[in-house]
Amino acid sequence: MNKLTPKRMFFTKGVGYHRNKLQSFELALRHAGIEKCNLVYVSSIFPPDCKIITKEAGVKNLSAGQITFIVLARENTNEPNRLISAAIGLALPKNSQQYGYLSEHHAYGETMRKSADFAEDLAATMLASTLGIELDPDVAWDERKQVYKVGKRLFKSRSVAQSAKGHKDGLWTTVVAGAVLLLDE
């Protein structure tokens, strides 16, 4: 396996408020525990045999200035009371030696739960298409529950999301949700 294939991953999320847009983003990253890293955005593949660890365990493995791969969803506003959200969804096949999918979603006017469900559903739909399965997009998340069963195949999904209302005084509000991919054991 390639040395750039992540072995571990953790979910994180955060929110930040500041009069400057960039500083609100930095504060959201700080709340998420990843502000000291040089983030490199990657796309949507969850590596085979990758282990999901807790945020606390993952953050302990980060060092200042480290190049850190992340699937990141981010949204911001400076409109008072405007609802924003960011979410990451994950769909994993039953066989851990196969790859899964991560999806990012960011929105205005969606609750944290709605964004989380959408991101999870998106990841599951991408994984299903890889497995040659068609998921009905008109079937509600509640009907799918938290384990997708199609024929004899089974896969699981989960998500992390952050939402916030724009600061009442018009400060920049930023929300982030991420899946941080760690290369070393």
N, C-alpha and C. Protein backbone atom coordinates (compact mmCIF):
# COMPACT_ATOMS: atom_id res chain seq x y z
N MET A 1 0.84 -1.18 0.00
CA MET A 1 0.00 0.00 0.00
C MET A 1 0.89 1.25 0.00
N ASN A 2 0.45 2.24 -0.69
CA ASN A 2 1.18 3.50 -0.81
C ASN A 2 1.32 4.17 0.56
N LYS A 3 2.46 4.80 0.80
CA LYS A 3 2.69 5.47 2.08
C LYS A 3 1.78 6.67 2.29
N LEU A 4 1.18 7.19 1.21
CA LEU A 4 0.25 8.30 1.36
C LEU A 4 -1.20 7.84 1.55
N THR A 5 -1.39 6.57 1.79
CA THR A 5 -2.73 6.07 2.08
C THR A 5 -2.98 6.18 3.58
N PRO A 6 -3.97 6.98 3.97
CA PRO A 6 -4.25 7.15 5.40
C PRO A 6 -4.61 5.84 6.09
N LYS A 7 -4.15 5.72 7.32
CA LYS A 7 -4.42 4.54 8.15
C LYS A 7 -5.50 4.80 9.20
N ARG A 8 -5.66 6.09 9.54
CA ARG A 8 -6.63 6.47 10.57
C ARG A 8 -7.34 7.75 10.14
N MET A 9 -8.53 7.95 10.68
CA MET A 9 -9.32 9.13 10.38
C MET A 9 -10.14 9.52 11.60
N PHE A 10 -10.35 10.83 11.76
CA PHE A 10 -11.28 11.26 12.80
C PHE A 10 -12.15 12.40 12.29
N PHE A 11 -13.34 12.48 12.87
CA PHE A 11 -14.28 13.55 12.56
C PHE A 11 -14.08 14.69 13.54
N THR A 12 -14.33 15.90 13.07
CA THR A 12 -14.28 17.07 13.93
C THR A 12 -15.22 18.13 13.39
N LYS A 13 -15.52 19.11 14.23
CA LYS A 13 -16.39 20.21 13.81
C LYS A 13 -16.12 21.41 14.69
N GLY A 14 -16.52 22.59 14.21
CA GLY A 14 -16.31 23.78 15.01
C GLY A 14 -17.07 24.98 14.47
N VAL A 15 -17.13 26.01 15.29
CA VAL A 15 -17.77 27.27 14.92
C VAL A 15 -16.90 28.41 15.44
N GLY A 16 -16.85 29.49 14.68
CA GLY A 16 -16.07 30.66 15.10
C GLY A 16 -16.79 31.95 14.74
N TYR A 17 -16.60 32.97 15.57
CA TYR A 17 -17.20 34.29 15.35
C TYR A 17 -16.10 35.34 15.44
N HIS A 18 -16.08 36.27 14.49
CA HIS A 18 -15.11 37.37 14.54
C HIS A 18 -15.52 38.45 13.54
N ARG A 19 -15.03 39.65 13.73
CA ARG A 19 -15.36 40.73 12.80
C ARG A 19 -14.68 40.54 11.45
N ASN A 20 -13.60 39.76 11.42
CA ASN A 20 -12.92 39.45 10.17
C ASN A 20 -13.27 38.03 9.74
N LYS A 21 -13.60 37.86 8.48
CA LYS A 21 -14.01 36.57 7.94
C LYS A 21 -12.95 35.49 8.15
N LEU A 22 -11.70 35.81 7.80
CA LEU A 22 -10.62 34.82 7.93
C LEU A 22 -10.41 34.41 9.38
N GLN A 23 -10.49 35.38 10.29
CA GLN A 23 -10.30 35.04 11.70
C GLN A 23 -11.46 34.21 12.24
N SER A 24 -12.66 34.40 11.71
CA SER A 24 -13.76 33.54 12.15
C SER A 24 -13.51 32.10 11.69
N PHE A 25 -12.92 31.94 10.50
CA PHE A 25 -12.56 30.61 10.01
C PHE A 25 -11.49 29.99 10.91
N GLU A 26 -10.47 30.77 11.26
CA GLU A 26 -9.41 30.26 12.13
C GLU A 26 -9.98 29.84 13.49
N LEU A 27 -10.92 30.62 14.01
CA LEU A 27 -11.53 30.27 15.30
C LEU A 27 -12.39 29.01 15.20
N ALA A 28 -13.03 28.81 14.04
CA ALA A 28 -13.78 27.57 13.83
C ALA A 28 -12.83 26.38 13.79
N LEU A 29 -11.68 26.55 13.11
CA LEU A 29 -10.67 25.49 13.09
C LEU A 29 -10.13 25.23 14.50
N ARG A 30 -9.94 26.28 15.27
CA ARG A 30 -9.46 26.13 16.65
C ARG A 30 -10.47 25.34 17.48
N HIS A 31 -11.74 25.68 17.33
CA HIS A 31 -12.79 24.96 18.04
C HIS A 31 -12.79 23.48 17.63
N ALA A 32 -12.44 23.22 16.38
CA ALA A 32 -12.37 21.85 15.87
C ALA A 32 -11.07 21.14 16.27
N GLY A 33 -10.09 21.90 16.78
CA GLY A 33 -8.83 21.31 17.24
C GLY A 33 -7.78 21.14 16.15
N ILE A 34 -7.96 21.79 15.00
CA ILE A 34 -7.04 21.56 13.87
C ILE A 34 -6.42 22.86 13.34
N GLU A 35 -6.46 23.92 14.14
CA GLU A 35 -5.98 25.23 13.69
C GLU A 35 -4.48 25.29 13.45
N LYS A 36 -3.71 24.42 14.06
CA LYS A 36 -2.25 24.49 13.95
C LYS A 36 -1.70 23.75 12.73
N CYS A 37 -2.60 23.16 11.93
CA CYS A 37 -2.18 22.34 10.79
C CYS A 37 -2.26 23.12 9.48
N ASN A 38 -1.45 22.70 8.53
CA ASN A 38 -1.55 23.17 7.16
C ASN A 38 -2.48 22.19 6.45
N LEU A 39 -3.70 22.64 6.21
CA LEU A 39 -4.73 21.76 5.69
C LEU A 39 -4.64 21.63 4.18
N VAL A 40 -4.72 20.40 3.71
CA VAL A 40 -4.75 20.09 2.29
C VAL A 40 -6.08 19.40 2.04
N TYR A 41 -6.92 20.04 1.25
CA TYR A 41 -8.25 19.49 0.98
C TYR A 41 -8.14 18.34 -0.02
N VAL A 42 -8.78 17.23 0.33
CA VAL A 42 -8.82 16.06 -0.54
C VAL A 42 -10.27 15.71 -0.80
N SER A 43 -10.47 14.81 -1.76
CA SER A 43 -11.83 14.45 -2.14
C SER A 43 -12.38 13.32 -1.30
N SER A 44 -13.11 12.44 -1.89
CA SER A 44 -14.13 11.69 -1.18
C SER A 44 -13.88 10.22 -0.88
N ILE A 45 -12.69 9.72 -0.94
CA ILE A 45 -12.49 8.28 -0.74
C ILE A 45 -12.01 7.98 0.68
N PHE A 46 -12.73 7.08 1.35
CA PHE A 46 -12.31 6.55 2.64
C PHE A 46 -11.49 5.30 2.35
N PRO A 47 -10.20 5.28 2.71
CA PRO A 47 -9.31 4.17 2.32
C PRO A 47 -9.71 2.82 2.92
N PRO A 48 -9.41 1.74 2.20
CA PRO A 48 -9.63 0.41 2.76
C PRO A 48 -8.83 0.24 4.06
N ASP A 49 -9.38 -0.48 5.00
CA ASP A 49 -8.73 -0.79 6.29
C ASP A 49 -8.32 0.45 7.09
N CYS A 50 -8.93 1.57 6.83
CA CYS A 50 -8.66 2.79 7.61
C CYS A 50 -9.49 2.70 8.89
N LYS A 51 -8.88 3.08 10.00
CA LYS A 51 -9.54 2.98 11.30
C LYS A 51 -10.08 4.36 11.71
N ILE A 52 -11.32 4.40 12.16
CA ILE A 52 -11.89 5.64 12.68
C ILE A 52 -11.54 5.74 14.15
N ILE A 53 -10.93 6.86 14.52
CA ILE A 53 -10.54 7.09 15.91
C ILE A 53 -11.29 8.30 16.45
N THR A 54 -11.20 8.51 17.75
CA THR A 54 -11.88 9.66 18.35
C THR A 54 -11.16 10.95 17.99
N LYS A 55 -11.88 12.04 18.08
CA LYS A 55 -11.29 13.35 17.85
C LYS A 55 -10.13 13.58 18.83
N GLU A 56 -10.33 13.23 20.07
CA GLU A 56 -9.30 13.45 21.09
C GLU A 56 -8.02 12.70 20.74
N ALA A 57 -8.14 11.45 20.34
CA ALA A 57 -6.96 10.67 19.95
C ALA A 57 -6.31 11.24 18.70
N GLY A 58 -7.13 11.68 17.75
CA GLY A 58 -6.60 12.24 16.51
C GLY A 58 -5.85 13.54 16.72
N VAL A 59 -6.44 14.44 17.50
CA VAL A 59 -5.81 15.74 17.74
C VAL A 59 -4.46 15.57 18.44
N LYS A 60 -4.34 14.57 19.31
CA LYS A 60 -3.06 14.31 20.00
C LYS A 60 -1.94 13.96 19.02
N ASN A 61 -2.30 13.47 17.84
CA ASN A 61 -1.31 13.08 16.84
C ASN A 61 -0.93 14.21 15.89
N LEU A 62 -1.49 15.38 16.08
CA LEU A 62 -1.19 16.52 15.21
C LEU A 62 -0.09 17.38 15.81
N SER A 63 0.74 17.94 14.95
CA SER A 63 1.78 18.84 15.42
C SER A 63 1.73 20.14 14.61
N ALA A 64 2.21 21.20 15.20
CA ALA A 64 2.18 22.52 14.57
C ALA A 64 2.88 22.49 13.21
N GLY A 65 2.19 23.00 12.20
CA GLY A 65 2.76 23.08 10.86
C GLY A 65 2.62 21.81 10.03
N GLN A 66 2.09 20.76 10.61
CA GLN A 66 1.95 19.48 9.91
C GLN A 66 1.05 19.63 8.69
N ILE A 67 1.47 19.02 7.58
CA ILE A 67 0.59 18.91 6.41
C ILE A 67 -0.48 17.89 6.78
N THR A 68 -1.74 18.30 6.72
CA THR A 68 -2.84 17.47 7.19
C THR A 68 -3.91 17.38 6.11
N PHE A 69 -4.21 16.16 5.70
CA PHE A 69 -5.23 15.93 4.69
C PHE A 69 -6.60 15.91 5.34
N ILE A 70 -7.55 16.58 4.68
CA ILE A 70 -8.89 16.71 5.26
C ILE A 70 -9.94 16.81 4.16
N VAL A 71 -11.07 16.17 4.41
CA VAL A 71 -12.28 16.44 3.63
C VAL A 71 -13.02 17.46 4.48
N LEU A 72 -13.21 18.66 3.96
CA LEU A 72 -13.73 19.77 4.76
C LEU A 72 -14.97 20.38 4.13
N ALA A 73 -15.98 20.60 4.96
CA ALA A 73 -17.15 21.39 4.58
C ALA A 73 -17.09 22.68 5.41
N ARG A 74 -17.42 23.80 4.76
CA ARG A 74 -17.28 25.11 5.42
C ARG A 74 -18.36 26.03 4.88
N GLU A 75 -18.95 26.80 5.80
CA GLU A 75 -19.90 27.83 5.40
C GLU A 75 -19.73 29.02 6.32
N ASN A 76 -20.06 30.21 5.82
CA ASN A 76 -19.96 31.41 6.66
C ASN A 76 -20.99 32.44 6.25
N THR A 77 -21.25 33.37 7.17
CA THR A 77 -22.17 34.47 6.93
C THR A 77 -21.84 35.61 7.88
N ASN A 78 -22.22 36.81 7.48
CA ASN A 78 -22.17 37.94 8.42
C ASN A 78 -23.56 38.54 8.57
N GLU A 79 -24.57 37.80 8.16
CA GLU A 79 -25.96 38.22 8.30
C GLU A 79 -26.50 37.74 9.66
N PRO A 80 -26.95 38.66 10.50
CA PRO A 80 -27.48 38.25 11.80
C PRO A 80 -28.60 37.21 11.65
N ASN A 81 -28.51 36.18 12.47
CA ASN A 81 -29.51 35.11 12.58
C ASN A 81 -29.66 34.21 11.36
N ARG A 82 -28.82 34.36 10.33
CA ARG A 82 -28.91 33.46 9.18
C ARG A 82 -28.35 32.10 9.57
N LEU A 83 -29.12 31.06 9.37
CA LEU A 83 -28.71 29.71 9.74
C LEU A 83 -27.77 29.14 8.68
N ILE A 84 -26.61 28.66 9.12
CA ILE A 84 -25.64 28.03 8.23
C ILE A 84 -25.25 26.68 8.81
N SER A 85 -24.80 25.80 7.92
CA SER A 85 -24.37 24.48 8.39
C SER A 85 -23.32 23.90 7.46
N ALA A 86 -22.55 22.97 8.03
CA ALA A 86 -21.53 22.23 7.29
C ALA A 86 -21.55 20.80 7.82
N ALA A 87 -21.42 19.83 6.91
CA ALA A 87 -21.50 18.42 7.33
C ALA A 87 -20.61 17.55 6.45
N ILE A 88 -20.13 16.46 7.06
CA ILE A 88 -19.39 15.42 6.36
C ILE A 88 -20.14 14.12 6.58
N GLY A 89 -20.37 13.39 5.49
CA GLY A 89 -21.01 12.08 5.58
C GLY A 89 -20.02 10.99 5.23
N LEU A 90 -20.22 9.82 5.77
CA LEU A 90 -19.36 8.66 5.50
C LEU A 90 -20.24 7.45 5.27
N ALA A 91 -19.93 6.70 4.21
CA ALA A 91 -20.59 5.41 3.95
C ALA A 91 -19.51 4.37 3.80
N LEU A 92 -19.62 3.30 4.58
CA LEU A 92 -18.63 2.23 4.59
C LEU A 92 -19.23 0.91 4.16
N PRO A 93 -18.54 0.18 3.28
CA PRO A 93 -19.02 -1.15 2.90
C PRO A 93 -18.80 -2.13 4.05
N LYS A 94 -19.52 -3.23 4.03
CA LYS A 94 -19.38 -4.27 5.05
C LYS A 94 -17.94 -4.80 5.06
N ASN A 95 -17.36 -4.97 3.88
CA ASN A 95 -15.99 -5.47 3.74
C ASN A 95 -15.01 -4.32 3.93
N SER A 96 -14.27 -4.33 5.02
CA SER A 96 -13.35 -3.22 5.33
C SER A 96 -12.17 -3.13 4.36
N GLN A 97 -11.99 -4.13 3.51
CA GLN A 97 -10.90 -4.08 2.53
C GLN A 97 -11.32 -3.34 1.26
N GLN A 98 -12.58 -2.94 1.21
CA GLN A 98 -13.06 -2.10 0.12
C GLN A 98 -13.06 -0.65 0.58
N TYR A 99 -13.03 0.26 -0.34
CA TYR A 99 -13.06 1.66 0.04
C TYR A 99 -14.48 2.16 0.22
N GLY A 100 -14.61 3.22 1.00
CA GLY A 100 -15.89 3.86 1.22
C GLY A 100 -15.88 5.27 0.67
N TYR A 101 -16.93 6.01 0.96
CA TYR A 101 -17.05 7.38 0.46
C TYR A 101 -17.28 8.38 1.58
N LEU A 102 -16.64 9.52 1.43
CA LEU A 102 -16.88 10.68 2.28
C LEU A 102 -17.53 11.75 1.40
N SER A 103 -18.47 12.48 1.95
CA SER A 103 -19.08 13.58 1.20
C SER A 103 -19.10 14.82 2.08
N GLU A 104 -19.01 15.97 1.44
CA GLU A 104 -19.10 17.22 2.18
C GLU A 104 -20.33 17.98 1.71
N HIS A 105 -20.96 18.67 2.64
CA HIS A 105 -22.17 19.43 2.34
C HIS A 105 -22.15 20.70 3.18
N HIS A 106 -22.49 21.81 2.57
CA HIS A 106 -22.60 23.08 3.30
C HIS A 106 -23.84 23.80 2.78
N ALA A 107 -24.54 24.48 3.68
CA ALA A 107 -25.83 25.04 3.27
C ALA A 107 -26.23 26.23 4.12
N TYR A 108 -27.15 26.99 3.57
CA TYR A 108 -27.85 28.05 4.29
C TYR A 108 -29.25 27.54 4.61
N GLY A 109 -29.74 27.86 5.79
CA GLY A 109 -31.12 27.55 6.15
C GLY A 109 -31.39 26.11 6.53
N GLU A 110 -30.36 25.30 6.69
CA GLU A 110 -30.55 23.91 7.09
C GLU A 110 -30.09 23.71 8.53
N THR A 111 -30.85 22.92 9.27
CA THR A 111 -30.44 22.57 10.62
C THR A 111 -29.25 21.61 10.56
N MET A 112 -28.61 21.44 11.68
CA MET A 112 -27.49 20.52 11.77
C MET A 112 -27.93 19.10 11.39
N ARG A 113 -29.08 18.67 11.88
CA ARG A 113 -29.56 17.32 11.58
C ARG A 113 -29.86 17.13 10.10
N LYS A 114 -30.50 18.13 9.49
CA LYS A 114 -30.83 18.02 8.07
C LYS A 114 -29.56 17.95 7.22
N SER A 115 -28.58 18.78 7.54
CA SER A 115 -27.31 18.74 6.80
C SER A 115 -26.57 17.43 7.01
N ALA A 116 -26.57 16.92 8.24
CA ALA A 116 -25.91 15.65 8.53
C ALA A 116 -26.58 14.51 7.75
N ASP A 117 -27.90 14.49 7.75
CA ASP A 117 -28.61 13.45 7.02
C ASP A 117 -28.34 13.53 5.53
N PHE A 118 -28.31 14.75 4.99
CA PHE A 118 -28.05 14.91 3.56
C PHE A 118 -26.66 14.42 3.19
N ALA A 119 -25.65 14.80 4.00
CA ALA A 119 -24.26 14.39 3.72
C ALA A 119 -24.13 12.87 3.80
N GLU A 120 -24.77 12.27 4.79
CA GLU A 120 -24.74 10.81 4.94
C GLU A 120 -25.40 10.13 3.74
N ASP A 121 -26.54 10.65 3.35
CA ASP A 121 -27.27 10.10 2.22
C ASP A 121 -26.46 10.22 0.92
N LEU A 122 -25.79 11.33 0.75
CA LEU A 122 -24.95 11.54 -0.43
C LEU A 122 -23.81 10.52 -0.48
N ALA A 123 -23.13 10.33 0.64
CA ALA A 123 -22.04 9.34 0.70
C ALA A 123 -22.57 7.94 0.41
N ALA A 124 -23.72 7.61 0.98
CA ALA A 124 -24.31 6.28 0.75
C ALA A 124 -24.69 6.09 -0.71
N THR A 125 -25.21 7.12 -1.33
CA THR A 125 -25.58 7.03 -2.74
C THR A 125 -24.34 6.82 -3.62
N MET A 126 -23.25 7.53 -3.30
CA MET A 126 -22.01 7.36 -4.07
C MET A 126 -21.45 5.94 -3.89
N LEU A 127 -21.46 5.44 -2.66
CA LEU A 127 -20.96 4.09 -2.42
C LEU A 127 -21.84 3.06 -3.12
N ALA A 128 -23.13 3.23 -3.03
CA ALA A 128 -24.06 2.29 -3.66
C ALA A 128 -23.80 2.21 -5.16
N SER A 129 -23.58 3.35 -5.81
CA SER A 129 -23.34 3.32 -7.25
C SER A 129 -22.05 2.59 -7.58
N THR A 130 -21.04 2.70 -6.72
CA THR A 130 -19.79 1.97 -6.91
C THR A 130 -20.01 0.47 -6.82
N LEU A 131 -20.93 0.08 -5.94
CA LEU A 131 -21.23 -1.34 -5.74
C LEU A 131 -22.25 -1.86 -6.75
N GLY A 132 -22.68 -0.97 -7.67
CA GLY A 132 -23.64 -1.39 -8.68
C GLY A 132 -25.07 -1.44 -8.17
N ILE A 133 -25.36 -0.67 -7.13
CA ILE A 133 -26.68 -0.65 -6.51
C ILE A 133 -27.29 0.74 -6.75
N GLU A 134 -28.57 0.76 -7.05
CA GLU A 134 -29.23 2.05 -7.20
C GLU A 134 -30.09 2.30 -5.97
N LEU A 135 -29.81 3.42 -5.28
CA LEU A 135 -30.64 3.80 -4.13
C LEU A 135 -31.67 4.81 -4.61
N ASP A 136 -32.87 4.66 -4.18
CA ASP A 136 -33.94 5.57 -4.58
C ASP A 136 -33.78 6.89 -3.84
N PRO A 137 -33.49 7.98 -4.56
CA PRO A 137 -33.28 9.26 -3.89
C PRO A 137 -34.55 9.83 -3.28
N ASP A 138 -35.71 9.28 -3.67
CA ASP A 138 -36.97 9.77 -3.13
C ASP A 138 -37.37 9.09 -1.83
N VAL A 139 -36.62 8.07 -1.43
CA VAL A 139 -36.89 7.41 -0.16
C VAL A 139 -36.23 8.23 0.95
N ALA A 140 -37.01 8.60 1.93
CA ALA A 140 -36.51 9.46 3.01
C ALA A 140 -35.45 8.76 3.85
N TRP A 141 -34.57 9.57 4.43
CA TRP A 141 -33.52 9.05 5.31
C TRP A 141 -34.12 8.20 6.41
N ASP A 142 -35.21 8.63 7.01
CA ASP A 142 -35.82 7.89 8.11
C ASP A 142 -36.18 6.47 7.71
N GLU A 143 -36.52 6.29 6.45
CA GLU A 143 -36.86 4.95 5.98
C GLU A 143 -35.62 4.08 5.83
N ARG A 144 -34.49 4.71 5.59
CA ARG A 144 -33.25 3.95 5.40
C ARG A 144 -32.60 3.59 6.73
N LYS A 145 -32.97 4.31 7.77
CA LYS A 145 -32.40 4.16 9.11
C LYS A 145 -30.90 4.41 9.06
N GLN A 146 -30.12 3.75 9.90
CA GLN A 146 -28.70 4.01 9.92
C GLN A 146 -27.88 2.90 9.31
N VAL A 147 -28.54 1.91 8.79
CA VAL A 147 -27.84 0.85 8.06
C VAL A 147 -28.58 0.66 6.75
N TYR A 148 -27.87 0.77 5.67
CA TYR A 148 -28.46 0.59 4.36
C TYR A 148 -28.38 -0.89 3.99
N LYS A 149 -29.52 -1.48 3.65
CA LYS A 149 -29.55 -2.87 3.20
C LYS A 149 -30.11 -2.87 1.78
N VAL A 150 -29.36 -3.42 0.88
CA VAL A 150 -29.82 -3.55 -0.50
C VAL A 150 -29.41 -4.93 -0.95
N GLY A 151 -30.37 -5.78 -1.27
CA GLY A 151 -30.06 -7.15 -1.64
C GLY A 151 -29.32 -7.83 -0.51
N LYS A 152 -28.20 -8.47 -0.81
CA LYS A 152 -27.40 -9.16 0.20
C LYS A 152 -26.25 -8.29 0.70
N ARG A 153 -26.16 -7.06 0.19
CA ARG A 153 -25.06 -6.18 0.58
C ARG A 153 -25.50 -5.30 1.74
N LEU A 154 -24.55 -4.93 2.54
CA LEU A 154 -24.84 -4.12 3.71
C LEU A 154 -23.76 -3.08 3.85
N PHE A 155 -24.15 -1.85 4.12
CA PHE A 155 -23.15 -0.86 4.46
C PHE A 155 -23.72 0.12 5.46
N LYS A 156 -22.81 0.74 6.19
CA LYS A 156 -23.18 1.64 7.27
C LYS A 156 -22.81 3.06 6.91
N SER A 157 -23.44 4.00 7.58
CA SER A 157 -23.12 5.40 7.36
C SER A 157 -23.15 6.15 8.68
N ARG A 158 -22.49 7.30 8.66
CA ARG A 158 -22.48 8.20 9.81
C ARG A 158 -22.09 9.58 9.33
N SER A 159 -22.18 10.55 10.21
CA SER A 159 -21.86 11.91 9.81
C SER A 159 -21.45 12.76 11.00
N VAL A 160 -20.90 13.92 10.68
CA VAL A 160 -20.63 14.95 11.67
C VAL A 160 -21.10 16.26 11.04
N ALA A 161 -21.71 17.12 11.85
CA ALA A 161 -22.22 18.38 11.32
C ALA A 161 -22.11 19.47 12.37
N GLN A 162 -22.05 20.70 11.88
CA GLN A 162 -22.05 21.87 12.75
C GLN A 162 -22.96 22.90 12.11
N SER A 163 -23.82 23.50 12.91
CA SER A 163 -24.65 24.60 12.43
C SER A 163 -24.56 25.75 13.42
N ALA A 164 -24.91 26.93 12.96
CA ALA A 164 -24.92 28.12 13.82
C ALA A 164 -25.78 29.18 13.15
N LYS A 165 -26.30 30.07 13.96
CA LYS A 165 -26.99 31.24 13.43
C LYS A 165 -25.96 32.37 13.35
N GLY A 166 -26.08 33.18 12.31
CA GLY A 166 -25.20 34.33 12.19
C GLY A 166 -25.26 35.17 13.46
N HIS A 167 -24.09 35.65 13.88
CA HIS A 167 -23.98 36.44 15.11
C HIS A 167 -24.95 37.62 15.08
N LYS A 168 -25.60 37.89 16.19
CA LYS A 168 -26.62 38.93 16.27
C LYS A 168 -26.09 40.32 15.94
N ASP A 169 -24.78 40.54 16.15
CA ASP A 169 -24.18 41.85 15.87
C ASP A 169 -23.50 41.92 14.51
N GLY A 170 -23.71 40.93 13.67
CA GLY A 170 -23.17 40.96 12.33
C GLY A 170 -21.71 40.53 12.21
N LEU A 171 -21.16 39.91 13.27
CA LEU A 171 -19.81 39.36 13.15
C LEU A 171 -19.84 38.22 12.14
N TRP A 172 -18.71 37.95 11.52
CA TRP A 172 -18.62 36.78 10.65
C TRP A 172 -18.77 35.53 11.50
N THR A 173 -19.60 34.63 11.03
CA THR A 173 -19.83 33.34 11.66
C THR A 173 -19.40 32.27 10.67
N THR A 174 -18.52 31.37 11.09
CA THR A 174 -18.06 30.29 10.22
C THR A 174 -18.28 28.96 10.93
N VAL A 175 -18.80 27.99 10.17
CA VAL A 175 -18.93 26.62 10.67
C VAL A 175 -18.08 25.71 9.78
N VAL A 176 -17.46 24.72 10.41
CA VAL A 176 -16.68 23.72 9.67
C VAL A 176 -17.03 22.33 10.19
N ALA A 177 -16.93 21.37 9.29
CA ALA A 177 -17.02 19.94 9.65
C ALA A 177 -15.96 19.26 8.81
N GLY A 178 -15.22 18.33 9.43
CA GLY A 178 -14.15 17.70 8.68
C GLY A 178 -13.91 16.25 9.04
N ALA A 179 -13.33 15.56 8.07
CA ALA A 179 -12.82 14.21 8.27
C ALA A 179 -11.32 14.32 8.05
N VAL A 180 -10.56 14.21 9.13
CA VAL A 180 -9.10 14.38 9.09
C VAL A 180 -8.46 13.01 8.86
N LEU A 181 -7.64 12.91 7.83
CA LEU A 181 -6.99 11.66 7.44
C LEU A 181 -5.55 11.66 7.90
N LEU A 182 -5.18 10.67 8.70
CA LEU A 182 -3.83 10.59 9.27
C LEU A 182 -3.04 9.49 8.56
N LEU A 183 -1.82 9.81 8.18
CA LEU A 183 -1.00 8.89 7.41
C LEU A 183 -0.24 7.86 8.24
N ASP A 184 0.27 8.26 9.39
CA ASP A 184 1.12 7.36 10.17
C ASP A 184 0.34 6.71 11.29
N GLU A 185 0.85 5.61 11.77
CA GLU A 185 0.22 4.87 12.87
C GLU A 185 0.52 5.51 14.20
